[in-house]
Amino acid sequence: MWYKDGVILSSPSLTSPDSLTSLLTLTPADFPHTGVYKCSAVFNEGSTTSDGADVFVRGFSTHPQHTLTINVTVTTLECEARGDVAPDVTWYNGATLLDHG
């Protein structure tokens, strides 16, 4: 049985290459998958639970959208990236690095 943040996973994607192994697959991994995962095993003599495995998912939560502007002086593009450590976002116009100012 698999747990995420102490809650039993209701419909996990599992594979069992043999009778002693259970593999949990997170596809595609996304921000809601971030958490602590544990596996429990039940035996005739009792049960045991694994140590927690911390899973961190990083990536873009908002991608820039294609924008067409005609005769305007300012265009705003939005990009949001998330991670367990705040990422640095860098903008390019083609291969040219844009100034943050």
C-alpha atoms as a PDB file:
ATOM      1  CA  MET A   1       0.000   0.000   0.000  1.00  0.00           C
ATOM      2  CA  TRP A   2       1.345   3.455  -0.905  1.00  0.00           C
ATOM      3  CA  TYR A   3       0.899   6.715   1.020  1.00  0.00           C
ATOM      4  CA  LYS A   4       1.475  10.352   0.086  1.00  0.00           C
ATOM      5  CA  ASP A   5       1.777  12.788   2.977  1.00  0.00           C
ATOM      6  CA  GLY A   6       0.242  10.179   5.312  1.00  0.00           C
ATOM      7  CA  VAL A   7      -2.839   9.547   3.131  1.00  0.00           C
ATOM      8  CA  ILE A   8      -3.431   6.245   1.288  1.00  0.00           C
ATOM      9  CA  LEU A   9      -3.213   6.730  -2.479  1.00  0.00           C
ATOM     10  CA  SER A  10      -6.638   5.803  -3.864  1.00  0.00           C
ATOM     11  CA  SER A  11      -5.674   4.761  -7.401  1.00  0.00           C
ATOM     12  CA  PRO A  12      -1.893   4.677  -7.780  1.00  0.00           C
ATOM     13  CA  SER A  13      -0.132   3.553 -10.950  1.00  0.00           C
ATOM     14  CA  LEU A  14       1.645   0.430  -9.715  1.00  0.00           C
ATOM     15  CA  THR A  15       3.752  -2.268 -11.288  1.00  0.00           C
ATOM     16  CA  SER A  16       5.111  -5.404  -9.647  1.00  0.00           C
ATOM     17  CA  PRO A  17       8.121  -6.941 -11.386  1.00  0.00           C
ATOM     18  CA  ASP A  18       7.997  -9.763  -8.819  1.00  0.00           C
ATOM     19  CA  SER A  19       5.956 -10.784  -5.767  1.00  0.00           C
ATOM     20  CA  LEU A  20       8.194  -8.786  -3.402  1.00  0.00           C
ATOM     21  CA  THR A  21       8.388  -5.476  -5.275  1.00  0.00           C
ATOM     22  CA  SER A  22       5.883  -2.666  -5.787  1.00  0.00           C
ATOM     23  CA  LEU A  23       6.825   0.260  -8.042  1.00  0.00           C
ATOM     24  CA  LEU A  24       4.855   3.520  -7.914  1.00  0.00           C
ATOM     25  CA  THR A  25       4.956   5.572 -11.130  1.00  0.00           C
ATOM     26  CA  LEU A  26       4.098   9.290 -11.273  1.00  0.00           C
ATOM     27  CA  THR A  27       3.512  10.094 -14.941  1.00  0.00           C
ATOM     28  CA  PRO A  28       3.600  12.861 -15.856  1.00  0.00           C
ATOM     29  CA  ALA A  29       5.062  14.194 -12.607  1.00  0.00           C
ATOM     30  CA  ASP A  30       3.533  17.580 -11.792  1.00  0.00           C
ATOM     31  CA  PHE A  31       3.424  19.989  -8.834  1.00  0.00           C
ATOM     32  CA  PRO A  32       0.597  18.137  -7.023  1.00  0.00           C
ATOM     33  CA  HIS A  33       2.910  15.082  -6.852  1.00  0.00           C
ATOM     34  CA  THR A  34       5.327  16.927  -4.526  1.00  0.00           C
ATOM     35  CA  GLY A  35       5.226  15.274  -1.109  1.00  0.00           C
ATOM     36  CA  VAL A  36       6.485  12.477   1.120  1.00  0.00           C
ATOM     37  CA  TYR A  37       5.816   8.940  -0.162  1.00  0.00           C
ATOM     38  CA  LYS A  38       5.838   5.755   1.909  1.00  0.00           C
ATOM     39  CA  CYS A  39       5.120   2.117   1.168  1.00  0.00           C
ATOM     40  CA  SER A  40       3.688  -0.372   3.653  1.00  0.00           C
ATOM     41  CA  ALA A  41       3.881  -4.147   3.510  1.00  0.00           C
ATOM     42  CA  VAL A  42       1.613  -6.600   5.350  1.00  0.00           C
ATOM     43  CA  PHE A  43       2.942  -9.986   6.466  1.00  0.00           C
ATOM     44  CA  ASN A  44       1.367 -12.859   8.427  1.00  0.00           C
ATOM     45  CA  GLU A  45       3.297 -11.621  11.481  1.00  0.00           C
ATOM     46  CA  GLY A  46       2.298  -7.939  11.119  1.00  0.00           C
ATOM     47  CA  SER A  47       3.125  -4.973   8.928  1.00  0.00           C
ATOM     48  CA  THR A  48       5.903  -2.465   8.353  1.00  0.00           C
ATOM     49  CA  THR A  49       6.147   0.935   6.661  1.00  0.00           C
ATOM     50  CA  SER A  50       9.129   2.326   4.770  1.00  0.00           C
ATOM     51  CA  ASP A  51      10.924   5.539   5.590  1.00  0.00           C
ATOM     52  CA  GLY A  52       9.542   8.514   3.694  1.00  0.00           C
ATOM     53  CA  ALA A  53      10.897   9.497   0.291  1.00  0.00           C
ATOM     54  CA  ASP A  54      10.689  13.239  -0.386  1.00  0.00           C
ATOM     55  CA  VAL A  55       9.572  13.983  -3.953  1.00  0.00           C
ATOM     56  CA  PHE A  56      10.051  17.492  -5.315  1.00  0.00           C
ATOM     57  CA  VAL A  57       8.700  18.458  -8.735  1.00  0.00           C
ATOM     58  CA  ARG A  58      10.144  21.510 -10.473  1.00  0.00           C
ATOM     59  CA  GLY A  59       9.035  23.205 -13.653  1.00  0.00           C
ATOM     60  CA  PHE A  60       6.849  25.874 -15.152  1.00  0.00           C
ATOM     61  CA  SER A  61       3.392  26.538 -13.754  1.00  0.00           C
ATOM     62  CA  THR A  62       2.723  29.334 -16.262  1.00  0.00           C
ATOM     63  CA  HIS A  63       4.265  29.283 -19.736  1.00  0.00           C
ATOM     64  CA  PRO A  64       4.612  32.450 -21.812  1.00  0.00           C
ATOM     65  CA  GLN A  65       1.878  32.734 -24.434  1.00  0.00           C
ATOM     66  CA  HIS A  66       2.367  33.798 -28.062  1.00  0.00           C
ATOM     67  CA  THR A  67       1.487  37.484 -28.282  1.00  0.00           C
ATOM     68  CA  LEU A  68       0.946  39.715 -31.308  1.00  0.00           C
ATOM     69  CA  THR A  69       1.178  43.453 -30.621  1.00  0.00           C
ATOM     70  CA  ILE A  70       0.704  46.231 -33.132  1.00  0.00           C
ATOM     71  CA  ASN A  71       1.491  49.909 -32.433  1.00  0.00           C
ATOM     72  CA  VAL A  72       1.882  49.571 -28.655  1.00  0.00           C
ATOM     73  CA  THR A  73       4.743  50.650 -26.432  1.00  0.00           C
ATOM     74  CA  VAL A  74       4.477  47.945 -23.745  1.00  0.00           C
ATOM     75  CA  THR A  75       3.777  44.216 -23.967  1.00  0.00           C
ATOM     76  CA  THR A  76       3.653  42.034 -20.857  1.00  0.00           C
ATOM     77  CA  LEU A  77       4.585  38.342 -20.951  1.00  0.00           C
ATOM     78  CA  GLU A  78       4.091  36.103 -17.922  1.00  0.00           C
ATOM     79  CA  CYS A  79       6.185  33.147 -16.853  1.00  0.00           C
ATOM     80  CA  GLU A  80       6.020  31.416 -13.478  1.00  0.00           C
ATOM     81  CA  ALA A  81       8.370  28.654 -12.356  1.00  0.00           C
ATOM     82  CA  ARG A  82       8.135  26.658  -9.126  1.00  0.00           C
ATOM     83  CA  GLY A  83      10.455  24.455  -7.156  1.00  0.00           C
ATOM     84  CA  ASP A  84      11.467  23.537  -3.622  1.00  0.00           C
ATOM     85  CA  VAL A  85      14.006  26.368  -3.946  1.00  0.00           C
ATOM     86  CA  ALA A  86      12.744  29.463  -5.768  1.00  0.00           C
ATOM     87  CA  PRO A  87      14.194  29.383  -9.314  1.00  0.00           C
ATOM     88  CA  ASP A  88      15.744  32.318 -11.169  1.00  0.00           C
ATOM     89  CA  VAL A  89      13.782  33.197 -14.317  1.00  0.00           C
ATOM     90  CA  THR A  90      15.774  34.530 -17.267  1.00  0.00           C
ATOM     91  CA  TRP A  91      14.243  36.019 -20.407  1.00  0.00           C
ATOM     92  CA  TYR A  92      15.687  35.852 -23.917  1.00  0.00           C
ATOM     93  CA  ASN A  93      14.695  37.423 -27.221  1.00  0.00           C
ATOM     94  CA  GLY A  94      15.992  34.765 -29.588  1.00  0.00           C
ATOM     95  CA  ALA A  95      19.550  34.188 -28.330  1.00  0.00           C
ATOM     96  CA  THR A  96      19.840  37.665 -26.711  1.00  0.00           C
ATOM     97  CA  LEU A  97      19.620  37.850 -22.929  1.00  0.00           C
ATOM     98  CA  LEU A  98      17.162  40.534 -21.852  1.00  0.00           C
ATOM     99  CA  ASP A  99      17.931  42.941 -19.009  1.00  0.00           C
ATOM    100  CA  HIS A 100      15.831  42.493 -15.837  1.00  0.00           C
ATOM    101  CA  GLY A 101      15.414  46.264 -15.553  1.00  0.00           C
END
